[in-house]
C-alpha atoms as a PDB file:
ATOM      1  CA  MET A   1     -27.281 -49.873  -4.559  1.00  0.00           C
ATOM      2  CA  HIS A   2     -25.540 -48.617  -1.449  1.00  0.00           C
ATOM      3  CA  THR A   3     -22.161 -48.672  -3.165  1.00  0.00           C
ATOM      4  CA  SER A   4     -23.372 -46.474  -6.057  1.00  0.00           C
ATOM      5  CA  LYS A   5     -24.404 -43.681  -3.687  1.00  0.00           C
ATOM      6  CA  VAL A   6     -20.940 -43.359  -2.141  1.00  0.00           C
ATOM      7  CA  PRO A   7     -19.147 -42.196  -5.343  1.00  0.00           C
ATOM      8  CA  ILE A   8     -21.926 -39.686  -6.067  1.00  0.00           C
ATOM      9  CA  LEU A   9     -21.669 -38.308  -2.543  1.00  0.00           C
ATOM     10  CA  LYS A  10     -17.887 -38.016  -2.900  1.00  0.00           C
ATOM     11  CA  VAL A  11     -18.262 -36.115  -6.176  1.00  0.00           C
ATOM     12  CA  ILE A  12     -20.805 -33.750  -4.640  1.00  0.00           C
ATOM     13  CA  VAL A  13     -18.530 -33.080  -1.640  1.00  0.00           C
ATOM     14  CA  ILE A  14     -15.523 -32.481  -3.909  1.00  0.00           C
ATOM     15  CA  ILE A  15     -17.535 -30.075  -6.097  1.00  0.00           C
ATOM     16  CA  TRP A  16     -18.814 -28.246  -3.013  1.00  0.00           C
ATOM     17  CA  ILE A  17     -15.277 -27.911  -1.576  1.00  0.00           C
ATOM     18  CA  ALA A  18     -13.971 -26.637  -4.935  1.00  0.00           C
ATOM     19  CA  PHE A  19     -16.806 -24.129  -5.243  1.00  0.00           C
ATOM     20  CA  ALA A  20     -16.355 -22.918  -1.652  1.00  0.00           C
ATOM     21  CA  SER A  21     -12.596 -22.554  -2.160  1.00  0.00           C
ATOM     22  CA  LEU A  22     -13.060 -20.578  -5.365  1.00  0.00           C
ATOM     23  CA  TYR A  23     -15.590 -18.315  -3.655  1.00  0.00           C
ATOM     24  CA  VAL A  24     -13.180 -17.579  -0.800  1.00  0.00           C
ATOM     25  CA  VAL A  25     -10.303 -16.857  -3.213  1.00  0.00           C
ATOM     26  CA  TYR A  26     -12.535 -14.591  -5.343  1.00  0.00           C
ATOM     27  CA  ASN A  27     -13.731 -12.702  -2.251  1.00  0.00           C
ATOM     28  CA  GLU A  28     -10.173 -12.193  -0.978  1.00  0.00           C
ATOM     29  CA  TYR A  29      -9.071 -10.986  -4.431  1.00  0.00           C
ATOM     30  CA  ASN A  30     -11.875  -8.395  -4.487  1.00  0.00           C
ATOM     31  CA  ASN A  31     -10.918  -7.208  -0.992  1.00  0.00           C
ATOM     32  CA  PHE A  32      -7.303  -6.881  -2.146  1.00  0.00           C
ATOM     33  CA  LYS A  33      -8.353  -4.787  -5.172  1.00  0.00           C
ATOM     34  CA  VAL A  34     -10.371  -2.439  -2.954  1.00  0.00           C
ATOM     35  CA  LEU A  35      -7.466  -2.084  -0.533  1.00  0.00           C
ATOM     36  CA  VAL A  36      -5.022  -1.242  -3.342  1.00  0.00           C
ATOM     37  CA  ALA A  37      -7.412   1.313  -4.830  1.00  0.00           C
ATOM     38  CA  GLN A  38      -7.985   2.912  -1.419  1.00  0.00           C
ATOM     39  CA  ARG A  39      -4.246   3.181  -0.753  1.00  0.00           C
ATOM     40  CA  ALA A  40      -3.662   4.728  -4.183  1.00  0.00           C
ATOM     41  CA  TYR A  41      -6.459   7.256  -3.581  1.00  0.00           C
ATOM     42  CA  ASN A  42      -5.093   8.207  -0.161  1.00  0.00           C
ATOM     43  CA  THR A  43      -1.560   8.570  -1.551  1.00  0.00           C
ATOM     44  CA  GLY A  44      -2.783  10.804  -4.370  1.00  0.00           C
ATOM     45  CA  LEU A  45      -4.813  12.914  -1.983  1.00  0.00           C
ATOM     46  CA  ARG A  46      -1.860  13.315   0.388  1.00  0.00           C
ATOM     47  CA  ASP A  47       0.452  14.264  -2.482  1.00  0.00           C
ATOM     48  CA  ALA A  48      -2.029  16.852  -3.779  1.00  0.00           C
ATOM     49  CA  VAL A  49      -2.416  18.462  -0.346  1.00  0.00           C
ATOM     50  CA  ASN A  50       1.353  18.529   0.187  1.00  0.00           C
ATOM     51  CA  LYS A  51       1.871  20.188  -3.203  1.00  0.00           C
ATOM     52  CA  LEU A  52      -0.845  22.748  -2.401  1.00  0.00           C
ATOM     53  CA  ILE A  53       0.850  23.559   0.915  1.00  0.00           C
ATOM     54  CA  GLN A  54       4.225  23.986  -0.795  1.00  0.00           C
ATOM     55  CA  GLN A  55       2.730  26.298  -3.407  1.00  0.00           C
ATOM     56  CA  ALA A  56       0.873  28.308  -0.759  1.00  0.00           C
ATOM     57  CA  GLN A  57       4.135  29.030   1.042  1.00  0.00           C
ATOM     58  CA  THR A  58       5.324  31.051  -1.984  1.00  0.00           C
ATOM     59  CA  CYS A  59       2.615  33.678  -1.247  1.00  0.00           C
ATOM     60  CA  ASN A  60       1.447  33.607  -4.863  1.00  0.00           C
ATOM     61  CA  PRO A  61      -2.203  32.957  -5.752  1.00  0.00           C
ATOM     62  CA  ILE A  62      -2.817  29.299  -6.605  1.00  0.00           C
ATOM     63  CA  PRO A  63      -5.416  28.642  -9.313  1.00  0.00           C
ATOM     64  CA  VAL A  64      -7.649  25.698  -8.402  1.00  0.00           C
ATOM     65  CA  THR A  65     -10.265  24.301 -10.770  1.00  0.00           C
ATOM     66  CA  SER A  66     -12.964  21.669 -10.467  1.00  0.00           C
ATOM     67  CA  GLY A  67     -15.022  21.185 -13.572  1.00  0.00           C
ATOM     68  CA  GLU A  68     -16.005  24.669 -14.638  1.00  0.00           C
ATOM     69  CA  GLN A  69     -15.445  26.255 -11.217  1.00  0.00           C
ATOM     70  CA  ARG A  70     -12.204  28.158 -10.681  1.00  0.00           C
ATOM     71  CA  VAL A  71     -10.836  29.976  -7.631  1.00  0.00           C
ATOM     72  CA  ASP A  72      -7.483  31.434  -6.623  1.00  0.00           C
ATOM     73  CA  LEU A  73      -6.187  30.434  -3.204  1.00  0.00           C
ATOM     74  CA  ILE A  74      -3.612  32.219  -1.084  1.00  0.00           C
ATOM     75  CA  SER A  75      -2.216  31.436   2.344  1.00  0.00           C
ATOM     76  CA  MET A  76      -3.631  33.362   5.304  1.00  0.00           C
ATOM     77  CA  SER A  77      -0.106  33.868   6.623  1.00  0.00           C
ATOM     78  CA  CYS A  78       0.715  35.747   3.392  1.00  0.00           C
ATOM     79  CA  LEU A  79      -2.330  37.970   3.859  1.00  0.00           C
ATOM     80  CA  ASN A  80      -1.372  38.678   7.468  1.00  0.00           C
ATOM     81  CA  ALA A  81       2.187  39.529   6.390  1.00  0.00           C
ATOM     82  CA  SER A  82       0.927  41.990   3.766  1.00  0.00           C
ATOM     83  CA  ASP A  83      -1.401  43.600   6.351  1.00  0.00           C
ATOM     84  CA  LYS A  84       1.537  44.112   8.709  1.00  0.00           C
ATOM     85  CA  LYS A  85       3.592  45.673   5.909  1.00  0.00           C
ATOM     86  CA  ALA A  86       0.722  48.055   5.101  1.00  0.00           C
ATOM     87  CA  ASN A  87       0.531  49.261   8.728  1.00  0.00           C
END
């Protein structure tokens, strides 16, 4: 009877190692997906801000919308320049 328990124990250990390995790989894959999504978000945000800055330097109003809200933005340096011209 002692010899029949050894193969069962080996099978259980092998299954446990396989399950643990798969869990670690799955967890690392999920962390990788989150990291890629976060980098893509940060890159998009940086690109949007850089484009907004470039457009603001033209001293033209920039229409910005979010859902149904809409505003026009203009650089403060453009407003200060027009105030100096008016004086």
